[in-house]
Amino acid sequence: MTEENTAVAGAAPMARDAEYGTPTLTVQLKMLDDGLEPPSYAHPGDAGADLRAREDVVLAPGERRLVPTGVSIALPDGFVALIHPRSGLATKHGLTVVNAPGTVDAGYRGEIAVTLLNTDRDEAIELRRGDRIAQMVIQRVEYARFLPVEELDGSVRGGGGFGSTGGFGGPA
């Protein structure tokens, strides 16, 4: 590679990073398994960093299992890591995260594990060590002060919920 090509190749990722998701937060990461890749973003601008399975897993139809990722983190106070399903695995194989999104609090220092569920009625899903199984989205947290009151402020919606706005036509 010539000097000119090296300079151009080296400059392109920096320009792309500046345009799509320059890191704004430093999170301490401890890899508990040197053979796994650390969490990473698959594409520029992705909100979720992929987490990988630490072990081989076969989930029968309807089965759920806690799957370790080999990752522990130290989030700064005021942040949370939310663990979401990967849309491709959900669509193609029916794999989801049972308590989606899972919550990793700022004070937690243990291994992140993901409770996976195979929602397919007929087919087992086979995951191999190193497969991307979930995505971790880090967000700021608001801390509320809860103020007891006798009555809540009114709103147009009021107490309507659980289908009160319609949207499902049902049988005609």
Protein backbone atom coordinates (compact mmCIF):
# COMPACT_ATOMS: atom_id res chain seq x y z
CA MET A 1 0.00 0.00 0.00
CA THR A 2 1.40 3.41 -0.89
CA GLU A 3 1.73 6.26 1.61
CA GLU A 4 -1.10 8.09 -0.14
CA ASN A 5 -3.45 5.07 0.11
CA THR A 6 -2.48 4.52 3.74
CA ALA A 7 -3.32 8.12 4.63
CA VAL A 8 -6.67 7.99 2.86
CA ALA A 9 -7.58 4.58 4.33
CA GLY A 10 -6.64 5.80 7.80
CA ALA A 11 -8.67 9.00 7.47
CA ALA A 12 -11.91 7.40 6.26
CA PRO A 13 -12.88 5.60 9.51
CA MET A 14 -12.33 8.75 11.56
CA ALA A 15 -14.61 10.77 9.29
CA ARG A 16 -17.23 8.01 9.42
CA ASP A 17 -16.96 7.73 13.23
CA ALA A 18 -17.48 11.48 13.59
CA GLU A 19 -20.61 11.24 11.45
CA TYR A 20 -22.06 8.05 12.96
CA GLY A 21 -21.83 7.61 16.69
CA THR A 22 -18.59 8.94 18.10
CA PRO A 23 -18.33 7.44 21.62
CA THR A 24 -19.69 9.80 24.26
CA LEU A 25 -19.25 7.56 27.30
CA THR A 26 -16.46 5.38 28.65
CA VAL A 27 -17.60 2.11 30.22
CA GLN A 28 -15.18 -0.18 32.03
CA LEU A 29 -15.29 -3.66 30.47
CA LYS A 30 -13.97 -6.87 32.00
CA MET A 31 -13.85 -9.85 29.67
CA LEU A 32 -14.34 -13.03 31.69
CA ASP A 33 -13.44 -15.24 28.73
CA ASP A 34 -10.42 -14.30 26.60
CA GLY A 35 -11.72 -16.42 23.71
CA LEU A 36 -14.75 -14.20 23.07
CA GLU A 37 -15.00 -10.93 21.21
CA PRO A 38 -15.96 -7.95 23.38
CA PRO A 39 -19.29 -6.18 22.84
CA SER A 40 -19.21 -4.29 19.56
CA TYR A 41 -21.44 -2.29 17.24
CA ALA A 42 -22.05 -4.07 13.92
CA HIS A 43 -22.65 -0.89 11.87
CA PRO A 44 -21.96 2.81 12.27
CA GLY A 45 -24.84 4.44 14.11
CA ASP A 46 -26.15 1.22 15.72
CA ALA A 47 -27.64 1.78 19.17
CA GLY A 48 -26.99 -1.75 20.42
CA ALA A 49 -23.64 -3.46 20.94
CA ASP A 50 -23.76 -7.20 20.26
CA LEU A 51 -23.30 -9.63 23.14
CA ARG A 52 -22.12 -13.19 22.46
CA ALA A 53 -22.85 -16.60 23.95
CA ARG A 54 -20.13 -17.88 26.27
CA GLU A 55 -21.18 -21.49 25.72
CA ASP A 56 -22.96 -23.74 23.24
CA VAL A 57 -26.72 -23.89 23.83
CA VAL A 58 -29.56 -25.85 22.27
CA LEU A 59 -33.02 -24.50 23.06
CA ALA A 60 -35.91 -26.85 22.36
CA PRO A 61 -39.22 -25.33 21.24
CA GLY A 62 -40.62 -23.30 24.13
CA GLU A 63 -37.45 -23.70 26.22
CA ARG A 64 -35.76 -20.81 28.03
CA ARG A 65 -32.27 -20.66 29.46
CA LEU A 66 -29.94 -18.20 31.13
CA VAL A 67 -26.97 -17.83 28.77
CA PRO A 68 -23.73 -16.22 30.03
CA THR A 69 -21.93 -13.68 27.82
CA GLY A 70 -18.44 -13.59 29.36
CA VAL A 71 -18.79 -9.83 29.91
CA SER A 72 -19.01 -7.68 33.01
CA ILE A 73 -19.13 -3.89 32.99
CA ALA A 74 -18.97 -0.95 35.37
CA LEU A 75 -21.45 1.68 34.26
CA PRO A 76 -21.14 5.20 35.64
CA ASP A 77 -23.89 6.28 38.03
CA GLY A 78 -26.86 7.61 36.08
CA PHE A 79 -26.68 5.00 33.30
CA VAL A 80 -28.29 1.63 32.59
CA ALA A 81 -27.56 -1.09 30.05
CA LEU A 82 -30.72 -2.53 28.50
CA ILE A 83 -30.47 -5.98 26.94
CA HIS A 84 -32.65 -6.38 23.85
CA PRO A 85 -33.31 -9.30 21.49
CA ARG A 86 -31.58 -9.29 18.11
CA SER A 87 -34.26 -8.68 15.49
CA GLY A 88 -32.85 -11.14 12.96
CA LEU A 89 -32.82 -14.02 15.45
CA ALA A 90 -36.33 -13.12 16.58
CA THR A 91 -37.71 -12.97 13.04
CA LYS A 92 -35.88 -15.95 11.53
CA HIS A 93 -35.77 -18.31 14.53
CA GLY A 94 -38.23 -17.04 17.14
CA LEU A 95 -35.45 -16.35 19.65
CA THR A 96 -36.21 -13.60 22.14
CA VAL A 97 -35.16 -12.26 25.52
CA VAL A 98 -37.74 -13.25 28.14
CA ASN A 99 -37.58 -10.09 30.27
CA ALA A 100 -36.91 -7.75 27.34
CA PRO A 101 -35.35 -5.46 27.88
CA GLY A 102 -33.18 -6.94 30.59
CA THR A 103 -31.75 -4.35 32.97
CA VAL A 104 -28.09 -4.03 34.01
CA ASP A 105 -27.93 -1.44 36.79
CA ALA A 106 -24.95 0.86 37.29
CA GLY A 107 -23.99 -0.88 40.53
CA TYR A 108 -23.94 -4.44 39.09
CA ARG A 109 -20.48 -5.91 38.53
CA GLY A 110 -21.27 -9.56 37.79
CA GLU A 111 -21.36 -11.37 34.47
CA ILE A 112 -24.08 -10.24 32.11
CA ALA A 113 -26.29 -13.22 31.28
CA VAL A 114 -29.30 -13.22 28.98
CA THR A 115 -32.49 -15.22 29.55
CA LEU A 116 -33.27 -16.51 26.06
CA LEU A 117 -36.54 -18.11 24.96
CA ASN A 118 -37.16 -20.16 21.83
CA THR A 119 -40.69 -19.21 20.79
CA ASP A 120 -40.69 -21.52 17.75
CA ARG A 121 -43.32 -24.25 18.16
CA ASP A 122 -41.50 -26.90 16.13
CA GLU A 123 -37.77 -26.25 15.73
CA ALA A 124 -34.95 -26.19 18.26
CA ILE A 125 -32.40 -23.41 17.92
CA GLU A 126 -28.72 -24.18 18.22
CA LEU A 127 -26.39 -21.42 19.39
CA ARG A 128 -22.63 -21.79 19.33
CA ARG A 129 -20.08 -20.20 21.60
CA GLY A 130 -19.32 -16.77 20.15
CA ASP A 131 -22.68 -16.36 18.38
CA ARG A 132 -24.28 -12.94 18.78
CA ILE A 133 -27.33 -13.52 20.99
CA ALA A 134 -28.53 -10.09 22.19
CA GLN A 135 -27.73 -6.41 22.01
CA MET A 136 -26.87 -4.02 24.81
CA VAL A 137 -28.14 -0.43 24.64
CA ILE A 138 -26.70 2.02 27.16
CA GLN A 139 -28.91 4.92 28.21
CA ARG A 140 -29.09 7.70 30.75
CA VAL A 141 -31.43 7.18 33.70
CA GLU A 142 -33.73 9.73 35.29
CA TYR A 143 -34.17 9.35 39.04
CA ALA A 144 -37.65 10.26 40.22
CA ARG A 145 -38.73 11.72 43.51
CA PHE A 146 -42.12 10.14 44.21
CA LEU A 147 -44.58 12.65 45.65
CA PRO A 148 -47.61 11.11 47.36
CA VAL A 149 -50.86 12.93 46.42
CA GLU A 150 -54.56 12.35 47.04
CA GLU A 151 -55.44 12.81 43.34
CA LEU A 152 -53.37 12.76 40.16
CA ASP A 153 -53.44 15.63 37.67
CA GLY A 154 -56.01 14.98 34.95
CA SER A 155 -55.28 14.04 31.33
CA VAL A 156 -57.25 13.42 28.15
CA ARG A 157 -56.54 9.70 28.36
CA GLY A 158 -57.30 9.31 32.06
CA GLY A 159 -57.27 5.69 33.19
CA GLY A 160 -57.92 4.24 29.72
CA GLY A 161 -55.48 1.54 28.74
CA PHE A 162 -55.17 -2.09 27.63
CA GLY A 163 -56.79 -1.59 24.23
CA SER A 164 -58.92 1.43 25.10
CA THR A 165 -57.89 3.21 21.88
CA GLY A 166 -58.90 0.30 19.63
CA GLY A 167 -56.67 -0.70 16.74
CA PHE A 168 -57.71 -4.32 16.50
CA GLY A 169 -60.81 -4.80 14.41
CA GLY A 170 -61.50 -8.40 15.39
CA PRO A 171 -64.02 -10.48 13.43
CA ALA A 172 -66.35 -8.51 11.16
